[in-house]
Amino acid sequence: MKIHRIVGLAAAVLSLASPSFAQDAGKSASARAAAVARAMDNAMTPGEAQKRLEPMLGKFDVRVLIWVDPSRPPLESTASAVSVWVLGNRFVQTMLVGGPSGDAFNAIGYIGYDNAAKAYQAAWMDDGSTALTLYSGGFDAGGKSATMKASIVDASTGKRSPLELRMSLGADGSHVTQLWGMGLRTKMFKMMELQYTRAKP
């Protein structure tokens, strides 16, 4: 039996022992336990929302654009990325290697759908920071673009600063992710863009 289901059943047992259960005579203990088990199963089972991420799987050549100052042209470099399902098709893991001017740049990203929260979530970490950035948001009705929001602590001020991860998916699996943030400015601007083109066999 899955550990999550065990935890869910334990929670049901505890709820049966609470005073509120005494007031809920219309529901049997077994019915309540079954309802909790169903909810836990639904929360941990991948489905259509996870399948929407399948175009992101594979090997990609990546064009990296970085804006230090939005009024000036971006710094440009290349990278390569490999994206695979992990943890039973629950999350897409992306491993990226590259960087400007030949400097090694390594990053790991995860994206998935939280069935319980009904939101897409992404995590990003790289060797340019000690922070783990967590984003949450969703796709548009067409399922081809998404906006996820996060916040980080600005190293120069010690205060939290907003971030947005904007993503668009192409028909062939190519996709673009943009990082929008404040930088040293008073309004958000595009700080980075990663253009993923499916690598040729």
N, C-alpha and C. Protein backbone atom coordinates (compact mmCIF):
# COMPACT_ATOMS: atom_id res chain seq x y z
N MET A 1 0.84 -1.20 0.00
CA MET A 1 0.00 0.00 0.00
C MET A 1 0.88 1.25 0.00
N LYS A 2 0.54 2.21 -0.80
CA LYS A 2 1.32 3.43 -0.90
C LYS A 2 1.36 4.16 0.45
N ILE A 3 2.52 4.77 0.74
CA ILE A 3 2.67 5.47 2.01
C ILE A 3 1.68 6.61 2.15
N HIS A 4 1.38 7.30 1.02
CA HIS A 4 0.41 8.40 1.10
C HIS A 4 -0.98 7.89 1.48
N ARG A 5 -1.30 6.71 0.98
CA ARG A 5 -2.62 6.16 1.30
C ARG A 5 -2.67 5.77 2.77
N ILE A 6 -1.56 5.24 3.28
CA ILE A 6 -1.51 4.89 4.70
C ILE A 6 -1.70 6.14 5.55
N VAL A 7 -1.01 7.23 5.16
CA VAL A 7 -1.16 8.48 5.90
C VAL A 7 -2.59 8.97 5.83
N GLY A 8 -3.20 8.85 4.65
CA GLY A 8 -4.58 9.29 4.51
C GLY A 8 -5.53 8.50 5.38
N LEU A 9 -5.33 7.20 5.42
CA LEU A 9 -6.18 6.37 6.26
C LEU A 9 -5.97 6.67 7.74
N ALA A 10 -4.73 6.95 8.12
CA ALA A 10 -4.46 7.31 9.51
C ALA A 10 -5.17 8.61 9.87
N ALA A 11 -5.18 9.56 8.92
CA ALA A 11 -5.87 10.82 9.15
C ALA A 11 -7.37 10.58 9.32
N ALA A 12 -7.90 9.66 8.54
CA ALA A 12 -9.32 9.34 8.66
C ALA A 12 -9.64 8.75 10.03
N VAL A 13 -8.76 7.87 10.50
CA VAL A 13 -8.98 7.27 11.82
C VAL A 13 -8.97 8.34 12.90
N LEU A 14 -8.02 9.28 12.81
CA LEU A 14 -7.96 10.35 13.80
C LEU A 14 -9.22 11.22 13.75
N SER A 15 -9.72 11.45 12.54
CA SER A 15 -10.92 12.28 12.43
C SER A 15 -12.13 11.58 13.03
N LEU A 16 -12.14 10.26 12.99
CA LEU A 16 -13.25 9.52 13.56
C LEU A 16 -13.26 9.65 15.08
N ALA A 17 -12.08 9.88 15.63
CA ALA A 17 -12.00 9.99 17.09
C ALA A 17 -12.28 11.40 17.57
N SER A 18 -12.45 12.35 16.68
CA SER A 18 -12.65 13.74 17.09
C SER A 18 -14.11 13.98 17.48
N PRO A 19 -14.36 15.04 18.28
CA PRO A 19 -15.74 15.36 18.68
C PRO A 19 -16.66 15.63 17.50
N SER A 20 -16.09 16.18 16.43
CA SER A 20 -16.94 16.50 15.29
C SER A 20 -17.56 15.26 14.69
N PHE A 21 -16.88 14.13 14.80
CA PHE A 21 -17.43 12.90 14.24
C PHE A 21 -18.70 12.49 14.96
N ALA A 22 -18.75 12.77 16.26
CA ALA A 22 -19.94 12.41 17.03
C ALA A 22 -21.16 13.15 16.53
N GLN A 23 -20.94 14.34 15.93
CA GLN A 23 -22.06 15.13 15.42
C GLN A 23 -22.41 14.74 13.99
N ASP A 24 -21.60 13.88 13.40
CA ASP A 24 -21.80 13.51 12.00
C ASP A 24 -22.25 12.06 11.92
N ALA A 25 -23.39 11.79 12.52
CA ALA A 25 -23.87 10.41 12.63
C ALA A 25 -24.29 9.84 11.29
N GLY A 26 -24.50 10.73 10.28
CA GLY A 26 -24.97 10.26 8.99
C GLY A 26 -23.91 9.54 8.16
N LYS A 27 -22.65 9.68 8.55
CA LYS A 27 -21.59 9.04 7.77
C LYS A 27 -20.93 7.97 8.61
N SER A 28 -20.77 6.82 8.02
CA SER A 28 -20.11 5.72 8.72
C SER A 28 -18.61 5.91 8.68
N ALA A 29 -17.95 5.23 9.60
CA ALA A 29 -16.49 5.31 9.66
C ALA A 29 -15.87 4.80 8.37
N SER A 30 -16.39 3.74 7.82
CA SER A 30 -15.82 3.18 6.60
C SER A 30 -16.01 4.11 5.41
N ALA A 31 -17.15 4.80 5.34
CA ALA A 31 -17.39 5.72 4.24
C ALA A 31 -16.42 6.89 4.29
N ARG A 32 -16.17 7.40 5.49
CA ARG A 32 -15.24 8.52 5.64
C ARG A 32 -13.82 8.08 5.27
N ALA A 33 -13.43 6.89 5.71
CA ALA A 33 -12.09 6.38 5.39
C ALA A 33 -11.94 6.18 3.89
N ALA A 34 -12.99 5.68 3.24
CA ALA A 34 -12.95 5.47 1.80
C ALA A 34 -12.83 6.80 1.05
N ALA A 35 -13.52 7.82 1.54
CA ALA A 35 -13.46 9.14 0.91
C ALA A 35 -12.05 9.72 1.01
N VAL A 36 -11.43 9.56 2.17
CA VAL A 36 -10.06 10.05 2.34
C VAL A 36 -9.11 9.30 1.43
N ALA A 37 -9.28 7.98 1.33
CA ALA A 37 -8.42 7.16 0.47
C ALA A 37 -8.56 7.59 -0.99
N ARG A 38 -9.80 7.87 -1.44
CA ARG A 38 -10.02 8.31 -2.81
C ARG A 38 -9.33 9.65 -3.07
N ALA A 39 -9.45 10.55 -2.10
CA ALA A 39 -8.82 11.86 -2.25
C ALA A 39 -7.31 11.74 -2.34
N MET A 40 -6.73 10.85 -1.54
CA MET A 40 -5.29 10.65 -1.59
C MET A 40 -4.86 10.03 -2.90
N ASP A 41 -5.65 9.07 -3.39
CA ASP A 41 -5.34 8.45 -4.69
C ASP A 41 -5.38 9.49 -5.81
N ASN A 42 -6.41 10.35 -5.79
CA ASN A 42 -6.53 11.39 -6.81
C ASN A 42 -5.36 12.36 -6.75
N ALA A 43 -4.90 12.66 -5.53
CA ALA A 43 -3.82 13.63 -5.35
C ALA A 43 -2.49 13.10 -5.89
N MET A 44 -2.30 11.78 -5.84
CA MET A 44 -0.98 11.26 -6.19
C MET A 44 -0.93 10.57 -7.56
N THR A 45 -2.04 10.52 -8.27
CA THR A 45 -2.07 9.82 -9.55
C THR A 45 -1.93 10.78 -10.73
N PRO A 46 -0.89 10.63 -11.56
CA PRO A 46 -0.74 11.52 -12.72
C PRO A 46 -1.86 11.31 -13.73
N GLY A 47 -2.21 12.39 -14.44
CA GLY A 47 -3.31 12.32 -15.40
C GLY A 47 -3.09 13.27 -16.56
N GLU A 48 -4.17 13.83 -17.07
CA GLU A 48 -4.11 14.68 -18.26
C GLU A 48 -3.28 15.94 -18.03
N ALA A 49 -3.33 16.50 -16.85
CA ALA A 49 -2.56 17.72 -16.58
C ALA A 49 -1.07 17.47 -16.69
N GLN A 50 -0.64 16.29 -16.26
CA GLN A 50 0.78 15.94 -16.39
C GLN A 50 1.13 15.66 -17.85
N LYS A 51 0.23 15.01 -18.59
CA LYS A 51 0.49 14.70 -20.00
C LYS A 51 0.69 15.95 -20.84
N ARG A 52 0.15 17.06 -20.41
CA ARG A 52 0.31 18.31 -21.14
C ARG A 52 1.79 18.71 -21.24
N LEU A 53 2.62 18.18 -20.36
CA LEU A 53 4.04 18.53 -20.33
C LEU A 53 4.88 17.65 -21.27
N GLU A 54 4.29 16.63 -21.88
CA GLU A 54 5.05 15.69 -22.71
C GLU A 54 5.86 16.34 -23.84
N PRO A 55 5.36 17.43 -24.47
CA PRO A 55 6.17 18.04 -25.53
C PRO A 55 7.54 18.53 -25.06
N MET A 56 7.72 18.70 -23.77
CA MET A 56 8.98 19.20 -23.24
C MET A 56 10.04 18.11 -23.13
N LEU A 57 9.66 16.85 -23.35
CA LEU A 57 10.60 15.75 -23.18
C LEU A 57 11.56 15.64 -24.36
N GLY A 58 12.80 15.26 -24.07
CA GLY A 58 13.76 15.03 -25.14
C GLY A 58 15.04 15.81 -24.95
N LYS A 59 15.84 15.86 -26.05
CA LYS A 59 17.10 16.59 -26.04
C LYS A 59 16.93 17.88 -26.84
N PHE A 60 17.49 18.96 -26.33
CA PHE A 60 17.30 20.26 -26.95
C PHE A 60 18.60 21.05 -27.03
N ASP A 61 18.74 21.81 -28.11
CA ASP A 61 19.75 22.85 -28.21
C ASP A 61 19.10 24.13 -27.69
N VAL A 62 19.83 24.87 -26.88
CA VAL A 62 19.23 26.02 -26.19
C VAL A 62 20.00 27.30 -26.53
N ARG A 63 19.28 28.28 -26.96
CA ARG A 63 19.84 29.63 -27.14
C ARG A 63 19.53 30.41 -25.88
N VAL A 64 20.56 30.97 -25.25
CA VAL A 64 20.41 31.66 -23.98
C VAL A 64 20.62 33.16 -24.18
N LEU A 65 19.64 33.96 -23.80
CA LEU A 65 19.71 35.41 -23.88
C LEU A 65 19.57 35.99 -22.48
N ILE A 66 20.49 36.89 -22.10
CA ILE A 66 20.47 37.48 -20.77
C ILE A 66 20.52 39.00 -20.89
N TRP A 67 19.54 39.67 -20.28
CA TRP A 67 19.51 41.13 -20.26
C TRP A 67 19.92 41.64 -18.89
N VAL A 68 21.06 42.31 -18.81
CA VAL A 68 21.45 42.99 -17.57
C VAL A 68 20.77 44.36 -17.52
N ASP A 69 20.70 44.98 -18.68
CA ASP A 69 20.04 46.28 -18.85
C ASP A 69 19.06 46.13 -20.01
N PRO A 70 17.75 46.30 -19.76
CA PRO A 70 16.76 46.08 -20.84
C PRO A 70 16.89 47.05 -22.00
N SER A 71 17.61 48.13 -21.82
CA SER A 71 17.79 49.10 -22.90
C SER A 71 18.95 48.74 -23.81
N ARG A 72 19.68 47.67 -23.47
CA ARG A 72 20.83 47.27 -24.27
C ARG A 72 20.62 45.86 -24.80
N PRO A 73 21.34 45.49 -25.86
CA PRO A 73 21.19 44.13 -26.40
C PRO A 73 21.57 43.08 -25.37
N PRO A 74 20.99 41.89 -25.47
CA PRO A 74 21.28 40.85 -24.48
C PRO A 74 22.62 40.17 -24.73
N LEU A 75 23.15 39.58 -23.67
CA LEU A 75 24.28 38.67 -23.81
C LEU A 75 23.74 37.36 -24.37
N GLU A 76 24.47 36.76 -25.27
CA GLU A 76 23.96 35.56 -25.93
C GLU A 76 24.95 34.41 -25.81
N SER A 77 24.43 33.21 -25.56
CA SER A 77 25.27 32.02 -25.49
C SER A 77 24.42 30.81 -25.86
N THR A 78 25.00 29.64 -25.81
CA THR A 78 24.27 28.42 -26.12
C THR A 78 24.41 27.42 -24.98
N ALA A 79 23.51 26.47 -24.97
CA ALA A 79 23.51 25.42 -23.97
C ALA A 79 22.84 24.19 -24.56
N SER A 80 22.88 23.11 -23.83
CA SER A 80 22.15 21.90 -24.23
C SER A 80 21.35 21.42 -23.03
N ALA A 81 20.23 20.77 -23.31
CA ALA A 81 19.34 20.33 -22.24
C ALA A 81 18.75 18.97 -22.55
N VAL A 82 18.51 18.20 -21.52
CA VAL A 82 17.83 16.91 -21.61
C VAL A 82 16.70 16.91 -20.60
N SER A 83 15.49 16.61 -21.06
CA SER A 83 14.31 16.58 -20.19
C SER A 83 13.67 15.20 -20.21
N VAL A 84 13.40 14.66 -19.03
CA VAL A 84 12.84 13.31 -18.90
C VAL A 84 11.77 13.31 -17.81
N TRP A 85 10.88 12.31 -17.88
CA TRP A 85 9.96 12.07 -16.78
C TRP A 85 10.73 11.51 -15.59
N VAL A 86 10.33 11.88 -14.38
CA VAL A 86 10.86 11.27 -13.17
C VAL A 86 9.70 10.99 -12.22
N LEU A 87 9.94 10.09 -11.28
CA LEU A 87 8.95 9.73 -10.25
C LEU A 87 7.61 9.32 -10.87
N GLY A 88 7.70 8.39 -11.80
CA GLY A 88 6.47 7.82 -12.36
C GLY A 88 5.65 8.79 -13.17
N ASN A 89 6.29 9.55 -14.07
CA ASN A 89 5.59 10.50 -14.94
C ASN A 89 4.85 11.59 -14.18
N ARG A 90 5.39 11.93 -13.01
CA ARG A 90 4.79 13.01 -12.22
C ARG A 90 5.46 14.35 -12.45
N PHE A 91 6.74 14.34 -12.76
CA PHE A 91 7.49 15.57 -12.94
C PHE A 91 8.42 15.44 -14.14
N VAL A 92 8.61 16.56 -14.85
CA VAL A 92 9.61 16.63 -15.90
C VAL A 92 10.87 17.24 -15.29
N GLN A 93 11.96 16.51 -15.42
CA GLN A 93 13.26 16.99 -14.94
C GLN A 93 14.08 17.47 -16.12
N THR A 94 14.61 18.67 -16.04
CA THR A 94 15.47 19.22 -17.09
C THR A 94 16.87 19.46 -16.54
N MET A 95 17.85 18.89 -17.22
CA MET A 95 19.26 19.12 -16.89
C MET A 95 19.84 19.97 -18.01
N LEU A 96 20.38 21.15 -17.66
CA LEU A 96 20.89 22.09 -18.65
C LEU A 96 22.36 22.37 -18.38
N VAL A 97 23.16 22.37 -19.43
CA VAL A 97 24.59 22.67 -19.34
C VAL A 97 24.95 23.65 -20.44
N GLY A 98 25.64 24.72 -20.08
CA GLY A 98 26.07 25.70 -21.06
C GLY A 98 26.48 26.97 -20.35
N GLY A 99 26.45 28.08 -21.07
CA GLY A 99 26.75 29.34 -20.42
C GLY A 99 27.43 30.33 -21.33
N PRO A 100 27.44 31.60 -20.92
CA PRO A 100 28.07 32.65 -21.73
C PRO A 100 29.58 32.54 -21.75
N SER A 101 30.15 32.86 -22.90
CA SER A 101 31.61 32.93 -23.07
C SER A 101 32.32 31.64 -22.70
N GLY A 102 31.67 30.52 -22.87
CA GLY A 102 32.30 29.24 -22.59
C GLY A 102 32.36 28.87 -21.13
N ASP A 103 31.89 29.73 -20.24
CA ASP A 103 31.89 29.39 -18.83
C ASP A 103 30.85 28.31 -18.58
N ALA A 104 31.23 27.33 -17.77
CA ALA A 104 30.29 26.24 -17.46
C ALA A 104 29.12 26.79 -16.66
N PHE A 105 27.93 26.42 -17.07
CA PHE A 105 26.71 26.83 -16.37
C PHE A 105 25.83 25.60 -16.27
N ASN A 106 25.50 25.21 -15.05
CA ASN A 106 24.71 24.01 -14.84
C ASN A 106 23.42 24.37 -14.12
N ALA A 107 22.33 23.77 -14.56
CA ALA A 107 21.05 24.05 -13.94
C ALA A 107 20.19 22.79 -13.94
N ILE A 108 19.30 22.72 -12.97
CA ILE A 108 18.33 21.63 -12.87
C ILE A 108 16.96 22.26 -12.66
N GLY A 109 16.00 21.84 -13.45
CA GLY A 109 14.64 22.34 -13.30
C GLY A 109 13.65 21.20 -13.22
N TYR A 110 12.57 21.43 -12.50
CA TYR A 110 11.47 20.47 -12.40
C TYR A 110 10.16 21.21 -12.64
N ILE A 111 9.25 20.56 -13.33
CA ILE A 111 7.91 21.11 -13.49
C ILE A 111 6.91 19.97 -13.38
N GLY A 112 5.79 20.25 -12.74
CA GLY A 112 4.74 19.25 -12.57
C GLY A 112 3.43 19.93 -12.24
N TYR A 113 2.42 19.11 -12.07
CA TYR A 113 1.08 19.61 -11.73
C TYR A 113 0.66 19.04 -10.40
N ASP A 114 0.28 19.91 -9.47
CA ASP A 114 -0.20 19.50 -8.15
C ASP A 114 -1.70 19.26 -8.25
N ASN A 115 -2.11 18.00 -8.24
CA ASN A 115 -3.54 17.68 -8.38
C ASN A 115 -4.38 18.29 -7.27
N ALA A 116 -3.84 18.34 -6.05
CA ALA A 116 -4.61 18.86 -4.93
C ALA A 116 -4.75 20.38 -5.00
N ALA A 117 -3.64 21.06 -5.29
CA ALA A 117 -3.67 22.53 -5.36
C ALA A 117 -4.23 23.02 -6.69
N LYS A 118 -4.33 22.10 -7.68
CA LYS A 118 -4.81 22.44 -9.02
C LYS A 118 -3.98 23.58 -9.63
N ALA A 119 -2.67 23.39 -9.59
CA ALA A 119 -1.75 24.38 -10.13
C ALA A 119 -0.49 23.70 -10.62
N TYR A 120 0.10 24.28 -11.67
CA TYR A 120 1.41 23.82 -12.11
C TYR A 120 2.46 24.44 -11.20
N GLN A 121 3.49 23.67 -10.92
CA GLN A 121 4.56 24.14 -10.06
C GLN A 121 5.90 23.83 -10.73
N ALA A 122 6.85 24.72 -10.54
CA ALA A 122 8.18 24.53 -11.10
C ALA A 122 9.23 24.89 -10.05
N ALA A 123 10.34 24.18 -10.11
CA ALA A 123 11.48 24.47 -9.24
C ALA A 123 12.71 24.64 -10.12
N TRP A 124 13.55 25.58 -9.76
CA TRP A 124 14.76 25.85 -10.56
C TRP A 124 15.93 26.09 -9.63
N MET A 125 17.06 25.49 -9.97
CA MET A 125 18.30 25.73 -9.23
C MET A 125 19.46 25.69 -10.21
N ASP A 126 20.46 26.53 -9.96
CA ASP A 126 21.64 26.52 -10.83
C ASP A 126 22.85 26.95 -10.02
N ASP A 127 24.03 26.82 -10.66
CA ASP A 127 25.25 27.13 -9.93
C ASP A 127 25.61 28.61 -9.96
N GLY A 128 24.63 29.45 -10.33
CA GLY A 128 24.79 30.88 -10.23
C GLY A 128 24.17 31.44 -8.98
N SER A 129 23.62 30.55 -8.13
CA SER A 129 22.93 30.99 -6.91
C SER A 129 22.86 29.83 -5.93
N THR A 130 22.65 30.15 -4.67
CA THR A 130 22.40 29.12 -3.67
C THR A 130 20.91 29.00 -3.36
N ALA A 131 20.09 29.72 -4.11
CA ALA A 131 18.64 29.72 -3.86
C ALA A 131 17.94 28.66 -4.68
N LEU A 132 16.90 28.09 -4.12
CA LEU A 132 15.98 27.21 -4.83
C LEU A 132 14.72 28.03 -5.09
N THR A 133 14.41 28.28 -6.36
CA THR A 133 13.27 29.12 -6.69
C THR A 133 12.07 28.25 -7.01
N LEU A 134 10.94 28.54 -6.39
CA LEU A 134 9.72 27.76 -6.56
C LEU A 134 8.64 28.64 -7.19
N TYR A 135 8.08 28.17 -8.30
CA TYR A 135 7.06 28.91 -9.04
C TYR A 135 5.73 28.16 -8.97
N SER A 136 4.64 28.92 -9.10
CA SER A 136 3.31 28.31 -9.14
C SER A 136 2.44 29.12 -10.09
N GLY A 137 1.62 28.40 -10.89
CA GLY A 137 0.75 29.10 -11.81
C GLY A 137 0.00 28.12 -12.69
N GLY A 138 -0.27 28.51 -13.93
CA GLY A 138 -1.04 27.63 -14.79
C GLY A 138 -0.94 27.98 -16.25
N PHE A 139 -1.47 27.09 -17.09
CA PHE A 139 -1.52 27.30 -18.54
C PHE A 139 -2.77 28.08 -18.92
N ASP A 140 -2.72 28.68 -20.10
CA ASP A 140 -3.92 29.32 -20.61
C ASP A 140 -4.88 28.26 -21.12
N ALA A 141 -6.05 28.70 -21.59
CA ALA A 141 -7.09 27.75 -22.01
C ALA A 141 -6.62 26.87 -23.16
N GLY A 142 -5.74 27.38 -24.02
CA GLY A 142 -5.26 26.60 -25.15
C GLY A 142 -4.17 25.61 -24.78
N GLY A 143 -3.61 25.74 -23.59
CA GLY A 143 -2.59 24.81 -23.12
C GLY A 143 -1.23 24.99 -23.77
N LYS A 144 -1.00 26.14 -24.42
CA LYS A 144 0.26 26.35 -25.11
C LYS A 144 1.16 27.39 -24.44
N SER A 145 0.66 28.10 -23.46
CA SER A 145 1.50 29.06 -22.75
C SER A 145 1.12 29.07 -21.28
N ALA A 146 2.10 29.38 -20.45
CA ALA A 146 1.88 29.35 -19.00
C ALA A 146 2.62 30.51 -18.35
N THR A 147 2.08 30.97 -17.24
CA THR A 147 2.75 31.97 -16.41
C THR A 147 2.77 31.46 -14.99
N MET A 148 3.96 31.44 -14.40
CA MET A 148 4.13 30.99 -13.02
C MET A 148 4.87 32.07 -12.25
N LYS A 149 4.46 32.27 -11.02
CA LYS A 149 5.03 33.35 -10.22
C LYS A 149 5.80 32.82 -9.03
N ALA A 150 6.80 33.61 -8.63
CA ALA A 150 7.63 33.26 -7.49
C ALA A 150 8.16 34.55 -6.88
N SER A 151 8.92 34.42 -5.82
CA SER A 151 9.65 35.56 -5.27
C SER A 151 10.97 35.05 -4.70
N ILE A 152 11.98 35.92 -4.75
CA ILE A 152 13.28 35.58 -4.21
C ILE A 152 13.76 36.71 -3.32
N VAL A 153 14.75 36.42 -2.52
CA VAL A 153 15.36 37.47 -1.70
C VAL A 153 16.44 38.14 -2.52
N ASP A 154 16.32 39.45 -2.69
CA ASP A 154 17.32 40.23 -3.42
C ASP A 154 18.59 40.29 -2.58
N ALA A 155 19.69 39.79 -3.14
CA ALA A 155 20.95 39.73 -2.38
C ALA A 155 21.45 41.12 -1.98
N SER A 156 21.13 42.15 -2.77
CA SER A 156 21.64 43.49 -2.48
C SER A 156 20.82 44.23 -1.43
N THR A 157 19.54 43.86 -1.28
CA THR A 157 18.67 44.57 -0.33
C THR A 157 18.19 43.70 0.82
N GLY A 158 18.23 42.38 0.64
CA GLY A 158 17.70 41.49 1.66
C GLY A 158 16.19 41.41 1.66
N LYS A 159 15.55 42.06 0.69
CA LYS A 159 14.09 42.06 0.61
C LYS A 159 13.62 41.13 -0.50
N ARG A 160 12.38 40.69 -0.39
CA ARG A 160 11.83 39.80 -1.40
C ARG A 160 11.48 40.59 -2.67
N SER A 161 11.72 39.93 -3.80
CA SER A 161 11.48 40.55 -5.09
C SER A 161 10.71 39.55 -5.96
N PRO A 162 9.71 40.04 -6.73
CA PRO A 162 8.89 39.12 -7.53
C PRO A 162 9.61 38.62 -8.77
N LEU A 163 9.24 37.40 -9.18
CA LEU A 163 9.73 36.80 -10.43
C LEU A 163 8.54 36.20 -11.16
N GLU A 164 8.65 36.14 -12.48
CA GLU A 164 7.67 35.42 -13.28
C GLU A 164 8.38 34.53 -14.27
N LEU A 165 7.90 33.31 -14.40
CA LEU A 165 8.39 32.38 -15.41
C LEU A 165 7.29 32.26 -16.46
N ARG A 166 7.58 32.70 -17.67
CA ARG A 166 6.61 32.67 -18.76
C ARG A 166 7.08 31.64 -19.78
N MET A 167 6.21 30.74 -20.15
CA MET A 167 6.58 29.62 -21.01
C MET A 167 5.59 29.48 -22.15
N SER A 168 6.11 29.15 -23.33
CA SER A 168 5.25 28.86 -24.48
C SER A 168 5.75 27.58 -25.14
N LEU A 169 4.82 26.73 -25.57
CA LEU A 169 5.15 25.43 -26.17
C LEU A 169 4.83 25.45 -27.66
N GLY A 170 5.78 24.94 -28.46
CA GLY A 170 5.58 24.83 -29.89
C GLY A 170 5.03 23.46 -30.27
N ALA A 171 4.53 23.33 -31.48
CA ALA A 171 3.91 22.08 -31.92
C ALA A 171 4.90 20.93 -31.96
N ASP A 172 6.18 21.21 -32.25
CA ASP A 172 7.17 20.15 -32.37
C ASP A 172 7.91 19.88 -31.06
N GLY A 173 7.45 20.48 -29.98
CA GLY A 173 8.11 20.29 -28.70
C GLY A 173 9.12 21.37 -28.37
N SER A 174 9.49 22.19 -29.37
CA SER A 174 10.34 23.33 -29.05
C SER A 174 9.57 24.26 -28.12
N HIS A 175 10.28 24.90 -27.22
CA HIS A 175 9.60 25.77 -26.28
C HIS A 175 10.52 26.90 -25.83
N VAL A 176 9.90 27.93 -25.29
CA VAL A 176 10.62 29.11 -24.84
C VAL A 176 10.23 29.39 -23.40
N THR A 177 11.21 29.63 -22.56
CA THR A 177 10.94 30.06 -21.20
C THR A 177 11.60 31.42 -20.98
N GLN A 178 10.87 32.31 -20.36
CA GLN A 178 11.37 33.65 -20.07
C GLN A 178 11.33 33.90 -18.57
N LEU A 179 12.37 34.54 -18.06
CA LEU A 179 12.41 34.94 -16.66
C LEU A 179 12.26 36.45 -16.59
N TRP A 180 11.20 36.88 -15.92
CA TRP A 180 10.95 38.30 -15.72
C TRP A 180 11.16 38.65 -14.26
N GLY A 181 11.85 39.77 -14.00
CA GLY A 181 12.10 40.18 -12.62
C GLY A 181 12.36 41.67 -12.54
N MET A 182 12.71 42.11 -11.35
CA MET A 182 12.91 43.53 -11.10
C MET A 182 14.34 43.98 -11.37
N GLY A 183 15.32 43.11 -11.08
CA GLY A 183 16.71 43.55 -11.17
C GLY A 183 16.93 44.74 -10.25
N LEU A 184 17.56 45.78 -10.74
CA LEU A 184 17.77 47.01 -9.96
C LEU A 184 16.74 48.08 -10.34
N ARG A 185 15.67 47.66 -11.03
CA ARG A 185 14.70 48.63 -11.51
C ARG A 185 13.42 48.61 -10.67
N THR A 186 12.52 49.52 -11.00
CA THR A 186 11.28 49.64 -10.24
C THR A 186 10.12 48.89 -10.88
N LYS A 187 10.32 48.35 -12.08
CA LYS A 187 9.28 47.55 -12.70
C LYS A 187 9.92 46.33 -13.36
N MET A 188 9.12 45.30 -13.59
CA MET A 188 9.63 44.04 -14.11
C MET A 188 10.04 44.17 -15.57
N PHE A 189 11.10 43.45 -15.93
CA PHE A 189 11.54 43.38 -17.31
C PHE A 189 12.06 41.97 -17.58
N LYS A 190 12.19 41.64 -18.87
CA LYS A 190 12.67 40.32 -19.24
C LYS A 190 14.17 40.24 -18.97
N MET A 191 14.55 39.36 -18.03
CA MET A 191 15.94 39.23 -17.64
C MET A 191 16.66 38.11 -18.39
N MET A 192 15.90 37.06 -18.75
CA MET A 192 16.51 35.91 -19.42
C MET A 192 15.48 35.24 -20.31
N GLU A 193 15.96 34.69 -21.41
CA GLU A 193 15.11 33.89 -22.29
C GLU A 193 15.89 32.66 -22.73
N LEU A 194 15.28 31.50 -22.58
CA LEU A 194 15.87 30.24 -23.03
C LEU A 194 15.01 29.69 -24.16
N GLN A 195 15.62 29.58 -25.35
CA GLN A 195 14.91 29.09 -26.52
C GLN A 195 15.34 27.65 -26.79
N TYR A 196 14.44 26.70 -26.52
CA TYR A 196 14.73 25.28 -26.65
C TYR A 196 14.30 24.79 -28.04
N THR A 197 15.26 24.32 -28.84
CA THR A 197 14.98 23.75 -30.14
C THR A 197 15.34 22.26 -30.10
N ARG A 198 14.40 21.42 -30.50
CA ARG A 198 14.65 19.98 -30.42
C ARG A 198 15.89 19.60 -31.22
N ALA A 199 16.80 18.90 -30.54
CA ALA A 199 18.07 18.52 -31.19
C ALA A 199 17.84 17.47 -32.26
N LYS A 200 18.58 17.56 -33.34
CA LYS A 200 18.47 16.60 -34.43
C LYS A 200 19.11 15.28 -34.00
N PRO A 201 18.52 14.14 -34.38
CA PRO A 201 19.07 12.82 -34.00
C PRO A 201 20.50 12.65 -34.49
